[in-house]
Amino acid sequence: MAHWHYQREGREHGPLSADRLKALADDGTLLPTDLVRKDSQDRWVAAVKVKGLFETPDTRVLKPTAPSSPTLCFERGNTHLEQNRLDQAIAEYTAALKLDPEWGWAYYKRAEAYRKKDDIDRCLADCDEAIRHDPTLALAFKERGNAHFDRARFDDALTDYDRALQLDPSLMIVHFNRGLVYFQKHEYAFAVGEFSRAIDMNPEYAPAWGYRSLAHLKMGALEEAKEDCAAAKRLDPKFDL
């Protein structure tokens, strides 16, 4: 029997049966944008491309939330967030937190929704709460780092990204984000190093190749820049910087 693996934020999960993978898709744990593969396959693909795994956004029906269940509120929030219904997602995470005010993960996910709305102040406040309730939640440090990046507070971003990697060294996306910080700071050699680490952890992640190409270009390494740009285009023909 074939088993599945999925990947989010650069971290691999599995093996899982096909039925279990479908259950994760149904409850919002697995997102259409997550990468998946079978044991027998080397190449990762977006979960949405697996036939029968997801309904389309137009046909998916959300299950009613039981008022006494913070978990169901949280799962509904994840589904809304996945479909970019940000106000609905925030409302569901808020409902979950009313029922469980110490749930760090709910603060973290609400912070993610606030950041997508460009409400950085609320994003930062929720990240602080997530970390206060769960100091080991690496993704909360990652998200707070992202918010600092949005405010061009690059040193603060690096501090939070460092802490995220101390807690969870498998977070590929944090190395990529560190690369973006160094790129903005014009420290291109450090940027190349971070993008290279991201590529080592997930060679299928086209943005890491693309931004490493730009960093090489800034350093005058034209051949390396061309090779990385070609790799990004091979992985994602629509990729553009």
Protein backbone atom coordinates (compact mmCIF):
# COMPACT_ATOMS: atom_id res chain seq x y z
CA MET A 1 0.00 0.00 0.00
CA ALA A 2 1.35 3.40 -1.02
CA HIS A 3 1.88 5.93 1.71
CA TRP A 4 1.92 9.71 1.49
CA HIS A 5 4.08 12.47 2.91
CA TYR A 6 3.27 16.15 3.07
CA GLN A 7 5.38 19.22 3.64
CA ARG A 8 4.58 22.59 5.18
CA GLU A 9 6.89 25.45 6.13
CA GLY A 10 9.76 23.23 4.99
CA ARG A 11 8.88 20.45 7.45
CA GLU A 12 7.99 16.93 6.28
CA HIS A 13 5.18 14.84 7.85
CA GLY A 14 4.33 11.20 7.23
CA PRO A 15 4.07 8.46 6.19
CA LEU A 16 0.26 8.59 6.03
CA SER A 17 -2.35 6.38 4.44
CA ALA A 18 -4.43 7.83 1.61
CA ASP A 19 -7.49 7.85 3.88
CA ARG A 20 -5.59 9.76 6.57
CA LEU A 21 -4.32 12.29 4.02
CA LYS A 22 -7.90 12.85 2.83
CA ALA A 23 -9.07 13.31 6.42
CA LEU A 24 -6.41 15.98 6.95
CA ALA A 25 -7.58 17.74 3.79
CA ASP A 26 -11.20 17.58 4.92
CA ASP A 27 -10.54 19.07 8.36
CA GLY A 28 -8.32 21.88 7.08
CA THR A 29 -5.04 20.55 8.47
CA LEU A 30 -3.69 19.87 4.97
CA LEU A 31 -3.87 22.91 2.70
CA PRO A 32 -4.12 22.87 -1.11
CA THR A 33 -0.80 24.72 -1.25
CA ASP A 34 1.04 22.13 0.85
CA LEU A 35 3.42 19.82 -1.02
CA VAL A 36 2.74 16.07 -1.09
CA ARG A 37 4.33 12.96 -2.56
CA LYS A 38 3.95 9.18 -2.47
CA ASP A 39 6.65 6.91 -1.09
CA SER A 40 7.35 5.80 -4.63
CA GLN A 41 7.80 9.34 -5.96
CA ASP A 42 10.71 11.72 -5.63
CA ARG A 43 8.91 14.84 -6.86
CA TRP A 44 6.70 16.93 -4.59
CA VAL A 45 3.46 18.37 -6.01
CA ALA A 46 0.87 20.78 -4.65
CA ALA A 47 -1.80 18.87 -2.73
CA VAL A 48 -4.54 20.52 -4.79
CA LYS A 49 -3.26 18.63 -7.85
CA VAL A 50 -4.02 15.23 -6.28
CA LYS A 51 -7.30 14.10 -7.77
CA GLY A 52 -10.11 13.77 -5.25
CA LEU A 53 -8.18 15.23 -2.34
CA PHE A 54 -9.93 18.61 -2.27
CA GLU A 55 -13.26 19.96 -3.28
CA THR A 56 -13.17 23.27 -5.09
CA PRO A 57 -13.77 26.40 -3.00
CA ASP A 58 -17.19 26.78 -4.66
CA THR A 59 -18.40 23.32 -3.63
CA ARG A 60 -16.76 22.88 -0.22
CA VAL A 61 -19.31 23.01 2.58
CA LEU A 62 -18.08 24.03 6.00
CA LYS A 63 -19.38 21.98 8.86
CA PRO A 64 -21.31 23.87 11.53
CA THR A 65 -19.22 24.81 14.52
CA ALA A 66 -20.16 23.38 17.89
CA PRO A 67 -20.00 26.33 20.29
CA SER A 68 -18.29 24.18 22.91
CA SER A 69 -15.45 23.09 20.61
CA PRO A 70 -12.44 25.38 20.15
CA THR A 71 -10.93 22.76 17.83
CA LEU A 72 -13.79 23.04 15.34
CA CYS A 73 -13.59 26.84 15.43
CA PHE A 74 -9.86 26.56 14.77
CA GLU A 75 -10.36 24.16 11.85
CA ARG A 76 -12.99 26.42 10.29
CA GLY A 77 -10.60 29.32 10.71
CA ASN A 78 -7.92 27.35 8.85
CA THR A 79 -10.32 26.67 5.99
CA HIS A 80 -11.31 30.34 5.74
CA LEU A 81 -7.65 31.39 5.88
CA GLU A 82 -6.74 28.94 3.14
CA GLN A 83 -9.42 30.50 0.92
CA ASN A 84 -8.35 34.03 1.85
CA ARG A 85 -11.58 34.81 3.68
CA LEU A 86 -9.64 36.71 6.28
CA ASP A 87 -12.42 38.31 8.32
CA GLN A 88 -14.18 34.95 8.69
CA ALA A 89 -10.91 33.29 9.67
CA ILE A 90 -10.24 35.92 12.33
CA ALA A 91 -13.77 35.50 13.69
CA GLU A 92 -13.31 31.73 14.01
CA TYR A 93 -9.91 32.01 15.70
CA THR A 94 -11.38 34.59 18.06
CA ALA A 95 -14.20 32.17 18.89
CA ALA A 96 -11.64 29.44 19.57
CA LEU A 97 -9.72 31.75 21.89
CA LYS A 98 -12.85 32.68 23.82
CA LEU A 99 -13.24 28.98 24.56
CA ASP A 100 -9.54 28.35 25.16
CA PRO A 101 -7.77 31.65 25.95
CA GLU A 102 -4.38 29.98 26.40
CA TRP A 103 -4.17 28.26 23.00
CA GLY A 104 -0.94 29.51 21.46
CA TRP A 105 -1.67 27.99 18.05
CA ALA A 106 -4.93 29.96 17.72
CA TYR A 107 -3.12 33.22 18.48
CA TYR A 108 -0.47 32.31 15.90
CA LYS A 109 -2.99 31.54 13.17
CA ARG A 110 -4.99 34.70 13.90
CA ALA A 111 -1.71 36.62 13.67
CA GLU A 112 -1.17 35.10 10.23
CA ALA A 113 -4.62 36.28 9.14
CA TYR A 114 -4.02 39.78 10.50
CA ARG A 115 -0.73 40.00 8.63
CA LYS A 116 -2.46 39.04 5.39
CA LYS A 117 -4.80 41.98 6.05
CA ASP A 118 -1.72 44.21 6.54
CA ASP A 119 -2.79 44.76 10.15
CA ILE A 120 0.74 44.45 11.49
CA ASP A 121 0.01 45.85 14.95
CA ARG A 122 -2.57 43.14 15.67
CA CYS A 123 -0.34 40.53 14.08
CA LEU A 124 2.50 41.44 16.42
CA ALA A 125 0.19 41.48 19.44
CA ASP A 126 -1.09 37.99 18.64
CA CYS A 127 2.42 36.69 18.04
CA ASP A 128 3.41 38.00 21.46
CA GLU A 129 0.41 36.22 23.02
CA ALA A 130 1.18 32.99 21.16
CA ILE A 131 4.76 33.05 22.43
CA ARG A 132 3.65 33.94 25.95
CA HIS A 133 1.34 30.94 26.08
CA ASP A 134 3.66 28.60 24.17
CA PRO A 135 7.32 29.70 24.22
CA THR A 136 8.28 26.65 22.14
CA LEU A 137 6.01 27.53 19.19
CA ALA A 138 8.61 28.12 16.49
CA LEU A 139 6.06 29.27 13.91
CA ALA A 140 4.97 32.14 16.15
CA PHE A 141 8.56 33.44 16.17
CA LYS A 142 8.63 32.98 12.40
CA GLU A 143 5.44 34.98 11.96
CA ARG A 144 6.62 37.74 14.29
CA GLY A 145 9.82 37.86 12.27
CA ASN A 146 7.73 38.27 9.13
CA ALA A 147 5.85 41.17 10.72
CA HIS A 148 9.13 42.84 11.68
CA PHE A 149 10.30 42.33 8.09
CA ASP A 150 7.17 44.09 6.83
CA ARG A 151 8.07 47.03 9.05
CA ALA A 152 11.68 46.96 7.76
CA ARG A 153 12.91 46.13 11.26
CA PHE A 154 15.41 43.70 9.85
CA ASP A 155 17.51 43.08 12.96
CA ASP A 156 14.38 42.27 14.97
CA ALA A 157 13.30 39.93 12.18
CA LEU A 158 16.62 38.09 12.29
CA THR A 159 16.38 37.71 16.07
CA ASP A 160 12.99 36.04 15.78
CA TYR A 161 14.05 33.89 12.83
CA ASP A 162 17.08 32.73 14.82
CA ARG A 163 14.82 31.71 17.70
CA ALA A 164 12.45 29.89 15.34
CA LEU A 165 15.35 27.84 13.97
CA GLN A 166 16.65 27.09 17.45
CA LEU A 167 13.24 25.62 18.27
CA ASP A 168 12.74 23.87 14.94
CA PRO A 169 15.79 23.56 12.64
CA SER A 170 13.65 21.94 9.93
CA LEU A 171 11.83 25.17 8.98
CA MET A 172 13.08 25.72 5.45
CA ILE A 173 10.97 28.84 4.99
CA VAL A 174 12.81 30.58 7.83
CA HIS A 175 16.14 30.18 6.03
CA PHE A 176 14.48 31.61 2.92
CA ASN A 177 13.09 34.53 4.93
CA ARG A 178 16.51 35.15 6.48
CA GLY A 179 17.85 35.32 2.95
CA LEU A 180 15.30 38.02 2.12
CA VAL A 181 16.40 40.02 5.17
CA TYR A 182 20.05 39.85 4.19
CA PHE A 183 19.12 40.78 0.62
CA GLN A 184 17.33 43.89 1.88
CA LYS A 185 20.36 44.71 4.04
CA HIS A 186 22.56 44.42 0.90
CA GLU A 187 24.52 41.61 2.53
CA TYR A 188 24.37 39.45 -0.55
CA ALA A 189 26.88 36.78 0.44
CA PHE A 190 24.85 36.02 3.57
CA ALA A 191 21.69 36.04 1.44
CA VAL A 192 23.20 33.44 -0.91
CA GLY A 193 24.08 31.28 2.08
CA GLU A 194 20.53 31.33 3.44
CA PHE A 195 18.90 30.72 0.06
CA SER A 196 21.33 27.82 -0.45
CA ARG A 197 20.27 26.28 2.87
CA ALA A 198 16.63 26.60 1.82
CA ILE A 199 17.42 24.89 -1.49
CA ASP A 200 19.26 22.08 0.28
CA MET A 201 16.18 21.49 2.43
CA ASN A 202 13.67 21.76 -0.42
CA PRO A 203 15.15 21.74 -3.94
CA GLU A 204 11.64 22.13 -5.40
CA TYR A 205 11.11 25.61 -3.92
CA ALA A 206 11.43 27.90 -6.94
CA PRO A 207 11.56 31.24 -5.04
CA ALA A 208 14.78 30.22 -3.29
CA TRP A 209 16.45 29.59 -6.65
CA GLY A 210 15.05 32.85 -8.04
CA TYR A 211 16.18 35.04 -5.18
CA ARG A 212 19.57 33.35 -5.03
CA SER A 213 19.87 34.25 -8.71
CA LEU A 214 19.24 37.90 -7.83
CA ALA A 215 21.77 37.81 -5.00
CA HIS A 216 24.38 36.30 -7.33
CA LEU A 217 23.59 39.04 -9.86
CA LYS A 218 24.14 41.73 -7.22
CA MET A 219 27.52 40.15 -6.48
CA GLY A 220 28.47 40.09 -10.14
CA ALA A 221 28.37 36.27 -10.38
CA LEU A 222 26.61 36.23 -13.73
CA GLU A 223 26.97 32.53 -14.58
CA GLU A 224 25.63 31.44 -11.20
CA ALA A 225 22.78 33.92 -11.57
CA LYS A 226 21.84 32.48 -14.98
CA GLU A 227 21.93 28.90 -13.68
CA ASP A 228 19.74 29.70 -10.69
CA CYS A 229 17.27 31.66 -12.80
CA ALA A 230 16.99 28.71 -15.20
CA ALA A 231 16.41 26.34 -12.28
CA ALA A 232 13.62 28.56 -10.94
CA LYS A 233 11.94 28.62 -14.35
CA ARG A 234 12.22 24.84 -14.71
CA LEU A 235 10.48 24.34 -11.39
CA ASP A 236 7.82 26.97 -12.06
CA PRO A 237 7.52 28.33 -15.60
CA LYS A 238 5.28 31.14 -14.28
CA PHE A 239 7.77 32.18 -11.63
CA ASP A 240 8.76 35.83 -11.81
CA LEU A 241 10.49 38.21 -9.38
